[in-house]
Amino acid sequence: MKASPIRIALIATTLAFATAGTANAAGCLKGAVVGGVAGHYAGHHAVVGAVGGCMVGRHLAKQHAQQQAQQQAAQRQVVQAQ
């Protein structure tokens, strides 16, 4: 029995969601929704788009969290200097 690309993508998506932590879920879910819609309209590849969107969403959420942490650290240094 040959595995279809859709079946492989569904398995990969399931594993990605199963291993995603709750802290990264928001970025992943938002990205998956946007990627799924974009993939659907770009040739009926919603699953592939959702997986890609999840990865991009998690990356952007992580970057945003790092920027916020840096800003908070800078603000603490300013307050301590006063």
N, C-alpha and C. Protein backbone atom coordinates (compact mmCIF):
# COMPACT_ATOMS: atom_id res chain seq x y z
N MET A 1 0.84 -1.18 0.00
CA MET A 1 0.00 0.00 0.00
C MET A 1 0.89 1.24 0.00
N LYS A 2 0.62 2.12 -0.90
CA LYS A 2 1.40 3.34 -1.05
C LYS A 2 0.76 4.46 -0.23
N ALA A 3 1.59 5.18 0.51
CA ALA A 3 1.09 6.30 1.31
C ALA A 3 0.92 7.52 0.41
N SER A 4 -0.24 8.11 0.47
CA SER A 4 -0.49 9.30 -0.34
C SER A 4 0.14 10.52 0.33
N PRO A 5 0.46 11.54 -0.45
CA PRO A 5 1.03 12.76 0.13
C PRO A 5 0.10 13.41 1.16
N ILE A 6 -1.19 13.31 0.94
CA ILE A 6 -2.14 13.91 1.88
C ILE A 6 -2.09 13.17 3.21
N ARG A 7 -2.00 11.85 3.16
CA ARG A 7 -1.93 11.05 4.39
C ARG A 7 -0.65 11.38 5.16
N ILE A 8 0.45 11.50 4.43
CA ILE A 8 1.72 11.84 5.07
C ILE A 8 1.64 13.22 5.70
N ALA A 9 1.03 14.18 5.01
CA ALA A 9 0.89 15.53 5.54
C ALA A 9 0.00 15.54 6.79
N LEU A 10 -1.07 14.75 6.77
CA LEU A 10 -1.94 14.67 7.95
C LEU A 10 -1.21 14.09 9.15
N ILE A 11 -0.41 13.07 8.91
CA ILE A 11 0.36 12.47 10.00
C ILE A 11 1.37 13.48 10.54
N ALA A 12 2.04 14.20 9.63
CA ALA A 12 3.02 15.20 10.06
C ALA A 12 2.34 16.31 10.85
N THR A 13 1.17 16.73 10.41
CA THR A 13 0.43 17.78 11.13
C THR A 13 0.02 17.30 12.51
N THR A 14 -0.46 16.07 12.59
CA THR A 14 -0.86 15.51 13.88
C THR A 14 0.32 15.46 14.84
N LEU A 15 1.47 15.02 14.34
CA LEU A 15 2.66 14.97 15.19
C LEU A 15 3.11 16.36 15.61
N ALA A 16 3.02 17.32 14.69
CA ALA A 16 3.42 18.69 15.03
C ALA A 16 2.53 19.27 16.12
N PHE A 17 1.22 19.03 16.02
CA PHE A 17 0.32 19.54 17.04
C PHE A 17 0.50 18.80 18.36
N ALA A 18 0.80 17.52 18.30
CA ALA A 18 0.98 16.74 19.52
C ALA A 18 2.22 17.16 20.28
N THR A 19 3.26 17.56 19.57
CA THR A 19 4.50 17.93 20.23
C THR A 19 4.58 19.42 20.57
N ALA A 20 3.66 20.21 20.07
CA ALA A 20 3.68 21.65 20.34
C ALA A 20 3.28 21.91 21.78
N GLY A 21 4.04 22.75 22.45
CA GLY A 21 3.73 23.11 23.83
C GLY A 21 2.60 24.12 23.87
N THR A 22 2.01 24.28 25.02
CA THR A 22 0.90 25.22 25.13
C THR A 22 1.35 26.66 24.96
N ALA A 23 2.60 26.96 25.28
CA ALA A 23 3.10 28.33 25.14
C ALA A 23 3.18 28.74 23.67
N ASN A 24 3.41 27.79 22.79
CA ASN A 24 3.54 28.09 21.38
C ASN A 24 2.26 27.83 20.60
N ALA A 25 1.22 27.39 21.28
CA ALA A 25 0.00 27.01 20.58
C ALA A 25 -0.65 28.18 19.87
N ALA A 26 -0.64 29.35 20.45
CA ALA A 26 -1.32 30.48 19.84
C ALA A 26 -0.69 30.84 18.50
N GLY A 27 0.61 30.93 18.46
CA GLY A 27 1.28 31.24 17.20
C GLY A 27 1.07 30.16 16.17
N CYS A 28 1.10 28.91 16.63
CA CYS A 28 0.92 27.78 15.72
C CYS A 28 -0.50 27.75 15.17
N LEU A 29 -1.46 27.94 16.04
CA LEU A 29 -2.85 27.86 15.58
C LEU A 29 -3.20 28.99 14.63
N LYS A 30 -2.76 30.19 14.96
CA LYS A 30 -3.03 31.32 14.06
C LYS A 30 -2.35 31.11 12.71
N GLY A 31 -1.11 30.68 12.75
CA GLY A 31 -0.37 30.43 11.52
C GLY A 31 -0.98 29.31 10.70
N ALA A 32 -1.45 28.26 11.39
CA ALA A 32 -2.06 27.13 10.69
C ALA A 32 -3.35 27.54 9.98
N VAL A 33 -4.12 28.39 10.64
CA VAL A 33 -5.36 28.85 10.01
C VAL A 33 -5.06 29.67 8.75
N VAL A 34 -4.14 30.62 8.90
CA VAL A 34 -3.80 31.47 7.75
C VAL A 34 -3.16 30.63 6.65
N GLY A 35 -2.23 29.76 7.03
CA GLY A 35 -1.56 28.91 6.04
C GLY A 35 -2.52 27.94 5.37
N GLY A 36 -3.46 27.40 6.12
CA GLY A 36 -4.44 26.48 5.55
C GLY A 36 -5.33 27.15 4.53
N VAL A 37 -5.78 28.35 4.84
CA VAL A 37 -6.62 29.10 3.89
C VAL A 37 -5.82 29.46 2.65
N ALA A 38 -4.60 29.95 2.85
CA ALA A 38 -3.75 30.31 1.71
C ALA A 38 -3.44 29.09 0.86
N GLY A 39 -3.13 27.97 1.51
CA GLY A 39 -2.84 26.74 0.77
C GLY A 39 -4.04 26.23 0.01
N HIS A 40 -5.22 26.38 0.59
CA HIS A 40 -6.44 25.94 -0.10
C HIS A 40 -6.65 26.71 -1.40
N TYR A 41 -6.48 28.02 -1.32
CA TYR A 41 -6.69 28.84 -2.51
C TYR A 41 -5.53 28.76 -3.50
N ALA A 42 -4.39 28.26 -3.05
CA ALA A 42 -3.22 28.15 -3.93
C ALA A 42 -3.06 26.72 -4.43
N GLY A 43 -4.12 26.10 -4.85
CA GLY A 43 -4.03 24.79 -5.47
C GLY A 43 -4.47 23.65 -4.58
N HIS A 44 -5.37 23.89 -3.65
CA HIS A 44 -5.93 22.84 -2.80
C HIS A 44 -4.86 22.11 -2.00
N HIS A 45 -3.96 22.86 -1.39
CA HIS A 45 -2.92 22.30 -0.54
C HIS A 45 -3.08 22.84 0.87
N ALA A 46 -4.27 22.70 1.42
CA ALA A 46 -4.57 23.29 2.72
C ALA A 46 -3.74 22.67 3.84
N VAL A 47 -3.53 21.36 3.80
CA VAL A 47 -2.79 20.70 4.87
C VAL A 47 -1.33 21.15 4.86
N VAL A 48 -0.75 21.20 3.68
CA VAL A 48 0.64 21.64 3.56
C VAL A 48 0.75 23.10 4.02
N GLY A 49 -0.20 23.92 3.63
CA GLY A 49 -0.21 25.32 4.06
C GLY A 49 -0.37 25.45 5.56
N ALA A 50 -1.20 24.59 6.16
CA ALA A 50 -1.40 24.65 7.61
C ALA A 50 -0.13 24.27 8.36
N VAL A 51 0.57 23.26 7.88
CA VAL A 51 1.82 22.85 8.53
C VAL A 51 2.85 23.97 8.42
N GLY A 52 2.99 24.52 7.23
CA GLY A 52 3.93 25.63 7.03
C GLY A 52 3.55 26.85 7.85
N GLY A 53 2.26 27.15 7.88
CA GLY A 53 1.78 28.28 8.66
C GLY A 53 2.02 28.11 10.14
N CYS A 54 1.88 26.89 10.62
CA CYS A 54 2.14 26.59 12.03
C CYS A 54 3.60 26.86 12.36
N MET A 55 4.49 26.40 11.50
CA MET A 55 5.92 26.60 11.74
C MET A 55 6.28 28.08 11.72
N VAL A 56 5.74 28.81 10.76
CA VAL A 56 6.02 30.25 10.67
C VAL A 56 5.41 30.98 11.86
N GLY A 57 4.18 30.62 12.23
CA GLY A 57 3.52 31.26 13.36
C GLY A 57 4.28 31.05 14.66
N ARG A 58 4.79 29.84 14.88
CA ARG A 58 5.57 29.57 16.08
C ARG A 58 6.86 30.39 16.09
N HIS A 59 7.49 30.48 14.92
CA HIS A 59 8.74 31.25 14.81
C HIS A 59 8.49 32.73 15.12
N LEU A 60 7.44 33.28 14.54
CA LEU A 60 7.13 34.70 14.78
C LEU A 60 6.74 34.96 16.23
N ALA A 61 5.99 34.03 16.83
CA ALA A 61 5.60 34.19 18.23
C ALA A 61 6.83 34.14 19.13
N LYS A 62 7.77 33.28 18.80
CA LYS A 62 9.00 33.19 19.59
C LYS A 62 9.82 34.48 19.47
N GLN A 63 9.92 35.02 18.25
CA GLN A 63 10.64 36.27 18.05
C GLN A 63 9.98 37.40 18.83
N HIS A 64 8.66 37.45 18.81
CA HIS A 64 7.92 38.49 19.52
C HIS A 64 8.17 38.39 21.02
N ALA A 65 8.18 37.17 21.55
CA ALA A 65 8.41 36.97 22.98
C ALA A 65 9.83 37.40 23.35
N GLN A 66 10.80 37.11 22.50
CA GLN A 66 12.18 37.52 22.77
C GLN A 66 12.32 39.03 22.76
N GLN A 67 11.65 39.69 21.81
CA GLN A 67 11.70 41.15 21.75
C GLN A 67 11.08 41.77 23.00
N GLN A 68 9.97 41.21 23.45
CA GLN A 68 9.34 41.74 24.65
C GLN A 68 10.24 41.55 25.87
N ALA A 69 10.90 40.40 25.95
CA ALA A 69 11.80 40.14 27.08
C ALA A 69 12.97 41.12 27.06
N GLN A 70 13.49 41.42 25.89
CA GLN A 70 14.59 42.39 25.78
C GLN A 70 14.13 43.79 26.20
N GLN A 71 12.94 44.17 25.79
CA GLN A 71 12.42 45.48 26.15
C GLN A 71 12.21 45.59 27.67
N GLN A 72 11.69 44.53 28.26
CA GLN A 72 11.47 44.54 29.70
C GLN A 72 12.80 44.61 30.45
N ALA A 73 13.81 43.89 29.95
CA ALA A 73 15.13 43.93 30.59
C ALA A 73 15.73 45.33 30.48
N ALA A 74 15.55 45.97 29.34
CA ALA A 74 16.06 47.33 29.16
C ALA A 74 15.35 48.30 30.09
N GLN A 75 14.05 48.13 30.27
CA GLN A 75 13.29 49.01 31.16
C GLN A 75 13.73 48.82 32.61
N ARG A 76 14.03 47.57 33.00
CA ARG A 76 14.51 47.31 34.37
C ARG A 76 15.85 47.99 34.61
N GLN A 77 16.69 47.97 33.59
CA GLN A 77 18.01 48.62 33.74
C GLN A 77 17.86 50.12 33.89
N VAL A 78 16.93 50.72 33.18
CA VAL A 78 16.70 52.16 33.28
C VAL A 78 16.17 52.51 34.66
N VAL A 79 15.26 51.71 35.18
CA VAL A 79 14.68 51.97 36.50
C VAL A 79 15.75 51.80 37.58
N GLN A 80 16.59 50.79 37.45
CA GLN A 80 17.65 50.57 38.44
C GLN A 80 18.70 51.67 38.40
N ALA A 81 18.92 52.25 37.24
CA ALA A 81 19.93 53.32 37.10
C ALA A 81 19.46 54.61 37.74
N GLN A 82 18.16 54.77 37.90
CA GLN A 82 17.63 56.02 38.47
C GLN A 82 17.74 56.00 39.90
